[in-house]
Amino acid sequence: MNPPRDRRKQILTPSELPLNHFWRELLPTGIYTRLRMKQLMIGWTTAPNDVDARRLAEGLTRERLAACVQVEGPIMSHYHWEGRDEMQPEFRLAIKFPEERGQDLVEWLHENHPYQVFQWVALPVPVSTPEYIQWADEVTRPPRQQPPFPPRR
């Protein structure tokens, strides 16, 4: 007779999660199954209008830097810029991407964002479905490069 499986080995406690201390304190114990998946991230930036927001969203997904970009707005942003208090309508982009695409994504934003100094805040996603993480990984893989010559037979 086989002994019963130890189900605790399939559960992550907050101390085992690949998250910083802040998130470990917030997450309840014993409900997360172990995933051998890549780390999914979510980042936020803003754009001055819906045209620029859509252009950024389309470019990030077309270049396979983001799995999904949601555009929200308009929202009202309050900030201090060049010695003055400002209040402007903006559009917020919520960007989901695998962690390993993060550096390329930020470089792309530096080249394509309409703001001189743009907001970029990103955090690891503490909980998601394995199917969503796998999908995000698949749709952000760069297309395979074709060899310069046909393979030998």
N, C-alpha and C. Protein backbone atom coordinates (compact mmCIF):
# COMPACT_ATOMS: atom_id res chain seq x y z
N MET A 1 0.84 -1.18 0.00
CA MET A 1 0.00 0.00 0.00
C MET A 1 0.89 1.24 0.00
N ASN A 2 0.57 2.19 -0.87
CA ASN A 2 1.34 3.42 -0.96
C ASN A 2 0.92 4.38 0.15
N PRO A 3 1.87 5.10 0.75
CA PRO A 3 1.49 6.09 1.76
C PRO A 3 0.77 7.26 1.08
N PRO A 4 -0.09 7.94 1.80
CA PRO A 4 -0.78 9.10 1.20
C PRO A 4 0.24 10.17 0.81
N ARG A 5 -0.05 10.86 -0.29
CA ARG A 5 0.85 11.93 -0.73
C ARG A 5 0.80 13.08 0.26
N ASP A 6 1.94 13.68 0.45
CA ASP A 6 2.02 14.85 1.32
C ASP A 6 1.66 16.08 0.49
N ARG A 7 0.45 16.55 0.62
CA ARG A 7 -0.02 17.68 -0.18
C ARG A 7 0.68 18.98 0.20
N ARG A 8 1.28 19.05 1.37
CA ARG A 8 1.97 20.27 1.76
C ARG A 8 3.13 20.58 0.83
N LYS A 9 3.69 19.58 0.17
CA LYS A 9 4.79 19.83 -0.75
C LYS A 9 4.32 20.56 -1.99
N GLN A 10 3.04 20.57 -2.26
CA GLN A 10 2.50 21.25 -3.43
C GLN A 10 2.01 22.66 -3.10
N ILE A 11 2.11 23.06 -1.87
CA ILE A 11 1.61 24.36 -1.44
C ILE A 11 2.80 25.25 -1.09
N LEU A 12 2.72 26.50 -1.53
CA LEU A 12 3.75 27.46 -1.16
C LEU A 12 3.29 28.26 0.05
N THR A 13 4.16 28.42 0.98
CA THR A 13 3.88 29.35 2.08
C THR A 13 4.41 30.70 1.66
N PRO A 14 3.97 31.78 2.29
CA PRO A 14 4.48 33.10 1.89
C PRO A 14 5.99 33.20 1.91
N SER A 15 6.65 32.51 2.83
CA SER A 15 8.12 32.59 2.87
C SER A 15 8.77 31.90 1.69
N GLU A 16 8.07 30.99 1.02
CA GLU A 16 8.62 30.30 -0.14
C GLU A 16 8.33 31.02 -1.46
N LEU A 17 7.43 31.98 -1.43
CA LEU A 17 7.07 32.68 -2.65
C LEU A 17 8.23 33.54 -3.13
N PRO A 18 8.41 33.64 -4.44
CA PRO A 18 9.51 34.46 -4.97
C PRO A 18 9.12 35.93 -4.98
N LEU A 19 8.76 36.45 -3.83
CA LEU A 19 8.29 37.82 -3.72
C LEU A 19 9.07 38.53 -2.62
N ASN A 20 9.04 39.84 -2.66
CA ASN A 20 9.72 40.57 -1.61
C ASN A 20 8.93 40.51 -0.30
N HIS A 21 9.53 40.98 0.78
CA HIS A 21 8.95 40.88 2.12
C HIS A 21 7.55 41.52 2.20
N PHE A 22 7.37 42.65 1.52
CA PHE A 22 6.09 43.34 1.55
C PHE A 22 4.95 42.44 1.12
N TRP A 23 5.12 41.74 -0.01
CA TRP A 23 4.05 40.88 -0.51
C TRP A 23 3.87 39.65 0.36
N ARG A 24 4.96 39.11 0.90
CA ARG A 24 4.85 37.93 1.76
C ARG A 24 3.97 38.20 2.96
N GLU A 25 4.04 39.42 3.49
CA GLU A 25 3.22 39.78 4.65
C GLU A 25 1.74 39.87 4.29
N LEU A 26 1.43 40.21 3.04
CA LEU A 26 0.04 40.41 2.64
C LEU A 26 -0.66 39.13 2.20
N LEU A 27 0.09 38.13 1.74
CA LEU A 27 -0.53 36.95 1.16
C LEU A 27 -0.84 35.91 2.22
N PRO A 28 -2.04 35.33 2.20
CA PRO A 28 -2.37 34.29 3.17
C PRO A 28 -1.57 33.01 2.92
N THR A 29 -1.40 32.24 3.95
CA THR A 29 -0.60 31.02 3.90
C THR A 29 -1.39 29.87 3.30
N GLY A 30 -0.72 29.02 2.53
CA GLY A 30 -1.23 27.72 2.16
C GLY A 30 -2.25 27.64 1.05
N ILE A 31 -2.37 28.65 0.18
CA ILE A 31 -3.38 28.53 -0.87
C ILE A 31 -2.78 28.57 -2.27
N TYR A 32 -1.48 28.72 -2.38
CA TYR A 32 -0.87 28.87 -3.69
C TYR A 32 -0.17 27.58 -4.09
N THR A 33 -0.57 27.03 -5.23
CA THR A 33 0.10 25.82 -5.69
C THR A 33 1.41 26.20 -6.35
N ARG A 34 2.34 25.31 -6.29
CA ARG A 34 3.67 25.57 -6.84
C ARG A 34 3.59 25.64 -8.36
N LEU A 35 4.11 26.71 -8.90
CA LEU A 35 4.14 26.90 -10.34
C LEU A 35 5.58 26.98 -10.79
N ARG A 36 5.92 26.23 -11.80
CA ARG A 36 7.26 26.32 -12.37
C ARG A 36 7.15 27.16 -13.64
N MET A 37 6.73 28.38 -13.45
CA MET A 37 6.48 29.28 -14.57
C MET A 37 7.35 30.51 -14.41
N LYS A 38 7.42 31.29 -15.46
CA LYS A 38 8.16 32.54 -15.43
C LYS A 38 7.39 33.56 -14.61
N GLN A 39 8.12 34.56 -14.12
CA GLN A 39 7.51 35.62 -13.31
C GLN A 39 6.77 36.58 -14.23
N LEU A 40 5.49 36.78 -13.97
CA LEU A 40 4.69 37.75 -14.70
C LEU A 40 4.75 39.08 -13.97
N MET A 41 4.86 40.15 -14.71
CA MET A 41 4.94 41.50 -14.15
C MET A 41 3.76 42.31 -14.66
N ILE A 42 3.43 43.37 -13.91
CA ILE A 42 2.48 44.36 -14.39
C ILE A 42 3.10 45.73 -14.16
N GLY A 43 3.05 46.55 -15.18
CA GLY A 43 3.63 47.89 -15.09
C GLY A 43 2.63 48.92 -15.55
N TRP A 44 2.84 50.16 -15.10
CA TRP A 44 1.94 51.25 -15.45
C TRP A 44 2.71 52.44 -15.97
N THR A 45 2.16 53.05 -16.98
CA THR A 45 2.64 54.32 -17.47
C THR A 45 1.42 55.15 -17.87
N THR A 46 1.63 56.40 -18.19
CA THR A 46 0.53 57.25 -18.63
C THR A 46 0.91 57.93 -19.93
N ALA A 47 -0.11 58.36 -20.67
CA ALA A 47 0.08 59.09 -21.92
C ALA A 47 -0.83 60.31 -21.91
N PRO A 48 -0.48 61.36 -22.65
CA PRO A 48 -1.24 62.60 -22.60
C PRO A 48 -2.61 62.54 -23.27
N ASN A 49 -2.82 61.57 -24.15
CA ASN A 49 -4.11 61.49 -24.86
C ASN A 49 -4.35 60.06 -25.32
N ASP A 50 -5.56 59.80 -25.81
CA ASP A 50 -5.91 58.44 -26.21
C ASP A 50 -5.15 57.99 -27.46
N VAL A 51 -4.79 58.89 -28.35
CA VAL A 51 -4.05 58.52 -29.55
C VAL A 51 -2.66 58.00 -29.17
N ASP A 52 -1.95 58.73 -28.31
CA ASP A 52 -0.63 58.27 -27.87
C ASP A 52 -0.73 56.99 -27.04
N ALA A 53 -1.76 56.88 -26.22
CA ALA A 53 -1.94 55.67 -25.41
C ALA A 53 -2.15 54.45 -26.31
N ARG A 54 -3.01 54.58 -27.32
CA ARG A 54 -3.24 53.48 -28.25
C ARG A 54 -1.98 53.15 -29.05
N ARG A 55 -1.23 54.17 -29.46
CA ARG A 55 0.01 53.95 -30.20
C ARG A 55 1.01 53.16 -29.35
N LEU A 56 1.14 53.53 -28.08
CA LEU A 56 2.04 52.80 -27.19
C LEU A 56 1.56 51.36 -27.00
N ALA A 57 0.26 51.18 -26.74
CA ALA A 57 -0.29 49.84 -26.51
C ALA A 57 -0.08 48.95 -27.74
N GLU A 58 -0.38 49.48 -28.91
CA GLU A 58 -0.23 48.69 -30.13
C GLU A 58 1.24 48.36 -30.40
N GLY A 59 2.12 49.31 -30.16
CA GLY A 59 3.55 49.07 -30.38
C GLY A 59 4.11 48.02 -29.43
N LEU A 60 3.73 48.09 -28.16
CA LEU A 60 4.23 47.12 -27.18
C LEU A 60 3.78 45.71 -27.50
N THR A 61 2.54 45.54 -27.94
CA THR A 61 2.07 44.19 -28.27
C THR A 61 2.62 43.74 -29.62
N ARG A 62 2.69 44.65 -30.60
CA ARG A 62 3.22 44.29 -31.92
C ARG A 62 4.68 43.84 -31.82
N GLU A 63 5.45 44.51 -30.98
CA GLU A 63 6.87 44.17 -30.80
C GLU A 63 7.07 43.00 -29.83
N ARG A 64 5.97 42.44 -29.34
CA ARG A 64 6.00 41.29 -28.42
C ARG A 64 6.71 41.59 -27.11
N LEU A 65 6.62 42.84 -26.69
CA LEU A 65 7.20 43.23 -25.41
C LEU A 65 6.19 43.07 -24.28
N ALA A 66 4.91 43.12 -24.63
CA ALA A 66 3.83 42.98 -23.65
C ALA A 66 2.82 41.97 -24.17
N ALA A 67 2.28 41.19 -23.25
CA ALA A 67 1.23 40.24 -23.62
C ALA A 67 -0.10 40.95 -23.80
N CYS A 68 -0.34 41.94 -22.96
CA CYS A 68 -1.61 42.64 -22.96
C CYS A 68 -1.39 44.04 -22.42
N VAL A 69 -2.02 45.02 -23.03
CA VAL A 69 -1.99 46.39 -22.53
C VAL A 69 -3.42 46.89 -22.47
N GLN A 70 -3.82 47.34 -21.31
CA GLN A 70 -5.15 47.91 -21.14
C GLN A 70 -5.03 49.41 -21.00
N VAL A 71 -5.84 50.13 -21.73
CA VAL A 71 -5.83 51.60 -21.70
C VAL A 71 -7.06 52.06 -20.94
N GLU A 72 -6.85 52.88 -19.93
CA GLU A 72 -7.93 53.42 -19.12
C GLU A 72 -7.89 54.94 -19.19
N GLY A 73 -9.06 55.55 -19.16
CA GLY A 73 -9.04 57.00 -19.06
C GLY A 73 -10.19 57.65 -19.80
N PRO A 74 -10.21 58.92 -19.67
CA PRO A 74 -9.17 59.74 -19.06
C PRO A 74 -9.21 59.68 -17.52
N ILE A 75 -8.03 59.86 -16.94
CA ILE A 75 -7.87 60.02 -15.50
C ILE A 75 -7.31 61.41 -15.27
N MET A 76 -7.38 61.92 -14.05
CA MET A 76 -6.83 63.23 -13.75
C MET A 76 -5.56 63.06 -12.93
N SER A 77 -4.44 63.56 -13.45
CA SER A 77 -3.16 63.46 -12.77
C SER A 77 -2.79 64.81 -12.17
N HIS A 78 -2.33 64.77 -10.93
CA HIS A 78 -1.85 65.95 -10.21
C HIS A 78 -0.37 65.73 -9.94
N TYR A 79 0.47 66.71 -10.28
CA TYR A 79 1.91 66.54 -10.11
C TYR A 79 2.59 67.90 -10.09
N HIS A 80 3.85 67.91 -9.69
CA HIS A 80 4.66 69.11 -9.66
C HIS A 80 5.68 69.02 -10.79
N TRP A 81 5.71 70.01 -11.69
CA TRP A 81 6.61 69.95 -12.84
C TRP A 81 7.15 71.34 -13.14
N GLU A 82 8.47 71.44 -13.22
CA GLU A 82 9.15 72.69 -13.55
C GLU A 82 8.67 73.84 -12.68
N GLY A 83 8.61 73.58 -11.37
CA GLY A 83 8.28 74.63 -10.41
C GLY A 83 6.81 74.96 -10.25
N ARG A 84 5.94 74.21 -10.91
CA ARG A 84 4.51 74.52 -10.82
C ARG A 84 3.72 73.27 -10.49
N ASP A 85 2.61 73.48 -9.79
CA ASP A 85 1.65 72.40 -9.57
C ASP A 85 0.80 72.26 -10.83
N GLU A 86 0.69 71.04 -11.31
CA GLU A 86 -0.04 70.77 -12.56
C GLU A 86 -1.19 69.81 -12.31
N MET A 87 -2.19 69.90 -13.16
CA MET A 87 -3.31 68.97 -13.17
C MET A 87 -3.71 68.79 -14.63
N GLN A 88 -3.57 67.54 -15.12
CA GLN A 88 -3.83 67.27 -16.53
C GLN A 88 -4.57 65.95 -16.68
N PRO A 89 -5.47 65.86 -17.66
CA PRO A 89 -6.05 64.55 -17.98
C PRO A 89 -4.99 63.69 -18.68
N GLU A 90 -4.98 62.41 -18.34
CA GLU A 90 -4.06 61.47 -18.96
C GLU A 90 -4.78 60.15 -19.16
N PHE A 91 -4.12 59.25 -19.89
CA PHE A 91 -4.62 57.90 -20.08
C PHE A 91 -3.60 56.96 -19.48
N ARG A 92 -4.09 56.01 -18.66
CA ARG A 92 -3.21 55.07 -17.97
C ARG A 92 -3.15 53.76 -18.74
N LEU A 93 -1.94 53.22 -18.89
CA LEU A 93 -1.72 51.93 -19.53
C LEU A 93 -1.28 50.93 -18.47
N ALA A 94 -2.00 49.81 -18.37
CA ALA A 94 -1.62 48.68 -17.51
C ALA A 94 -1.01 47.64 -18.44
N ILE A 95 0.26 47.32 -18.22
CA ILE A 95 1.04 46.50 -19.15
C ILE A 95 1.45 45.21 -18.47
N LYS A 96 1.03 44.06 -19.02
CA LYS A 96 1.42 42.75 -18.48
C LYS A 96 2.51 42.15 -19.36
N PHE A 97 3.59 41.69 -18.70
CA PHE A 97 4.74 41.20 -19.46
C PHE A 97 5.56 40.25 -18.59
N PRO A 98 6.26 39.29 -19.23
CA PRO A 98 7.19 38.44 -18.48
C PRO A 98 8.39 39.27 -18.02
N GLU A 99 8.90 38.94 -16.86
CA GLU A 99 10.00 39.71 -16.27
C GLU A 99 11.19 39.84 -17.22
N GLU A 100 11.53 38.79 -17.95
CA GLU A 100 12.71 38.85 -18.81
C GLU A 100 12.55 39.81 -19.99
N ARG A 101 11.34 40.27 -20.27
CA ARG A 101 11.13 41.25 -21.34
C ARG A 101 11.17 42.69 -20.81
N GLY A 102 11.33 42.84 -19.49
CA GLY A 102 11.26 44.15 -18.86
C GLY A 102 12.27 45.16 -19.36
N GLN A 103 13.53 44.76 -19.49
CA GLN A 103 14.56 45.71 -19.93
C GLN A 103 14.30 46.18 -21.35
N ASP A 104 13.94 45.25 -22.24
CA ASP A 104 13.63 45.64 -23.62
C ASP A 104 12.41 46.55 -23.66
N LEU A 105 11.43 46.27 -22.82
CA LEU A 105 10.21 47.08 -22.77
C LEU A 105 10.55 48.51 -22.37
N VAL A 106 11.35 48.68 -21.32
CA VAL A 106 11.72 50.03 -20.85
C VAL A 106 12.54 50.76 -21.91
N GLU A 107 13.45 50.07 -22.58
CA GLU A 107 14.22 50.70 -23.66
C GLU A 107 13.30 51.16 -24.78
N TRP A 108 12.29 50.34 -25.12
CA TRP A 108 11.34 50.71 -26.16
C TRP A 108 10.55 51.95 -25.73
N LEU A 109 10.14 51.99 -24.44
CA LEU A 109 9.42 53.16 -23.95
C LEU A 109 10.28 54.42 -24.04
N HIS A 110 11.57 54.32 -23.71
CA HIS A 110 12.46 55.48 -23.81
C HIS A 110 12.51 56.01 -25.24
N GLU A 111 12.43 55.14 -26.21
CA GLU A 111 12.50 55.55 -27.61
C GLU A 111 11.15 56.05 -28.15
N ASN A 112 10.03 55.62 -27.56
CA ASN A 112 8.72 55.86 -28.17
C ASN A 112 7.74 56.64 -27.31
N HIS A 113 8.03 56.86 -26.06
CA HIS A 113 7.08 57.54 -25.17
C HIS A 113 7.07 59.03 -25.47
N PRO A 114 5.88 59.67 -25.49
CA PRO A 114 5.83 61.10 -25.80
C PRO A 114 6.34 62.01 -24.68
N TYR A 115 6.42 61.52 -23.44
CA TYR A 115 6.90 62.34 -22.34
C TYR A 115 8.42 62.29 -22.22
N GLN A 116 9.00 63.42 -21.86
CA GLN A 116 10.43 63.49 -21.59
C GLN A 116 10.76 62.64 -20.36
N VAL A 117 9.98 62.79 -19.30
CA VAL A 117 10.10 61.97 -18.09
C VAL A 117 8.77 61.26 -17.93
N PHE A 118 8.75 59.96 -18.18
CA PHE A 118 7.48 59.23 -18.11
C PHE A 118 7.43 58.36 -16.87
N GLN A 119 6.21 58.14 -16.42
CA GLN A 119 5.99 57.24 -15.29
C GLN A 119 6.26 55.81 -15.73
N TRP A 120 7.03 55.08 -14.92
CA TRP A 120 7.16 53.63 -15.10
C TRP A 120 7.27 53.01 -13.73
N VAL A 121 6.24 52.27 -13.37
CA VAL A 121 6.20 51.56 -12.10
C VAL A 121 5.79 50.13 -12.43
N ALA A 122 6.57 49.14 -11.97
CA ALA A 122 6.26 47.74 -12.27
C ALA A 122 6.43 46.90 -11.02
N LEU A 123 5.56 45.91 -10.90
CA LEU A 123 5.58 44.99 -9.76
C LEU A 123 5.38 43.56 -10.25
N PRO A 124 5.90 42.59 -9.49
CA PRO A 124 5.60 41.20 -9.83
C PRO A 124 4.13 40.91 -9.52
N VAL A 125 3.50 40.09 -10.36
CA VAL A 125 2.13 39.67 -10.12
C VAL A 125 2.19 38.53 -9.09
N PRO A 126 1.60 38.72 -7.90
CA PRO A 126 1.75 37.70 -6.87
C PRO A 126 0.97 36.42 -7.15
N VAL A 127 -0.17 36.52 -7.84
CA VAL A 127 -0.99 35.34 -8.09
C VAL A 127 -1.63 35.48 -9.47
N SER A 128 -1.58 34.40 -10.24
CA SER A 128 -2.25 34.35 -11.53
C SER A 128 -2.50 32.89 -11.87
N THR A 129 -3.26 32.66 -12.91
CA THR A 129 -3.50 31.28 -13.32
C THR A 129 -2.32 30.80 -14.16
N PRO A 130 -2.00 29.52 -14.09
CA PRO A 130 -0.91 28.99 -14.91
C PRO A 130 -1.17 29.21 -16.40
N GLU A 131 -2.43 29.10 -16.80
CA GLU A 131 -2.77 29.27 -18.22
C GLU A 131 -2.46 30.69 -18.70
N TYR A 132 -2.77 31.69 -17.87
CA TYR A 132 -2.50 33.08 -18.26
C TYR A 132 -1.00 33.35 -18.33
N ILE A 133 -0.25 32.83 -17.36
CA ILE A 133 1.20 33.03 -17.35
C ILE A 133 1.82 32.36 -18.58
N GLN A 134 1.37 31.16 -18.91
CA GLN A 134 1.89 30.46 -20.09
C GLN A 134 1.55 31.23 -21.36
N TRP A 135 0.31 31.72 -21.47
CA TRP A 135 -0.09 32.49 -22.64
C TRP A 135 0.77 33.75 -22.76
N ALA A 136 0.97 34.46 -21.66
CA ALA A 136 1.77 35.69 -21.69
C ALA A 136 3.19 35.40 -22.14
N ASP A 137 3.73 34.28 -21.68
CA ASP A 137 5.08 33.90 -22.10
C ASP A 137 5.12 33.59 -23.59
N GLU A 138 4.14 32.86 -24.09
CA GLU A 138 4.12 32.47 -25.50
C GLU A 138 3.99 33.67 -26.44
N VAL A 139 3.11 34.60 -26.11
CA VAL A 139 2.86 35.71 -27.04
C VAL A 139 3.92 36.80 -26.98
N THR A 140 4.84 36.72 -26.01
CA THR A 140 5.91 37.72 -25.94
C THR A 140 7.26 37.17 -26.36
N ARG A 141 7.29 35.93 -26.81
CA ARG A 141 8.55 35.38 -27.33
C ARG A 141 8.87 36.05 -28.65
N PRO A 142 10.12 36.48 -28.82
CA PRO A 142 10.47 37.05 -30.13
C PRO A 142 10.32 35.98 -31.21
N PRO A 143 9.92 36.38 -32.42
CA PRO A 143 9.81 35.39 -33.50
C PRO A 143 11.16 34.74 -33.74
N ARG A 144 11.12 33.47 -34.08
CA ARG A 144 12.37 32.76 -34.36
C ARG A 144 13.04 33.34 -35.59
N GLN A 145 14.33 33.50 -35.47
CA GLN A 145 15.11 33.98 -36.61
C GLN A 145 15.30 32.82 -37.59
N GLN A 146 15.13 33.11 -38.85
CA GLN A 146 15.38 32.11 -39.88
C GLN A 146 16.88 32.02 -40.11
N PRO A 147 17.43 30.80 -40.29
CA PRO A 147 18.86 30.71 -40.58
C PRO A 147 19.17 31.37 -41.91
N PRO A 148 20.38 31.93 -42.06
CA PRO A 148 20.70 32.65 -43.30
C PRO A 148 20.77 31.72 -44.51
N PHE A 149 21.02 30.45 -44.28
CA PHE A 149 21.09 29.50 -45.37
C PHE A 149 20.15 28.35 -45.07
N PRO A 150 19.64 27.66 -46.07
CA PRO A 150 18.79 26.51 -45.81
C PRO A 150 19.59 25.43 -45.08
N PRO A 151 18.94 24.66 -44.24
CA PRO A 151 19.67 23.59 -43.54
C PRO A 151 20.19 22.57 -44.52
N ARG A 152 21.30 21.92 -44.17
CA ARG A 152 21.88 20.88 -45.03
C ARG A 152 21.04 19.62 -44.95
N ARG A 153 21.02 18.92 -46.05
CA ARG A 153 20.25 17.66 -46.08
C ARG A 153 21.14 16.50 -45.93
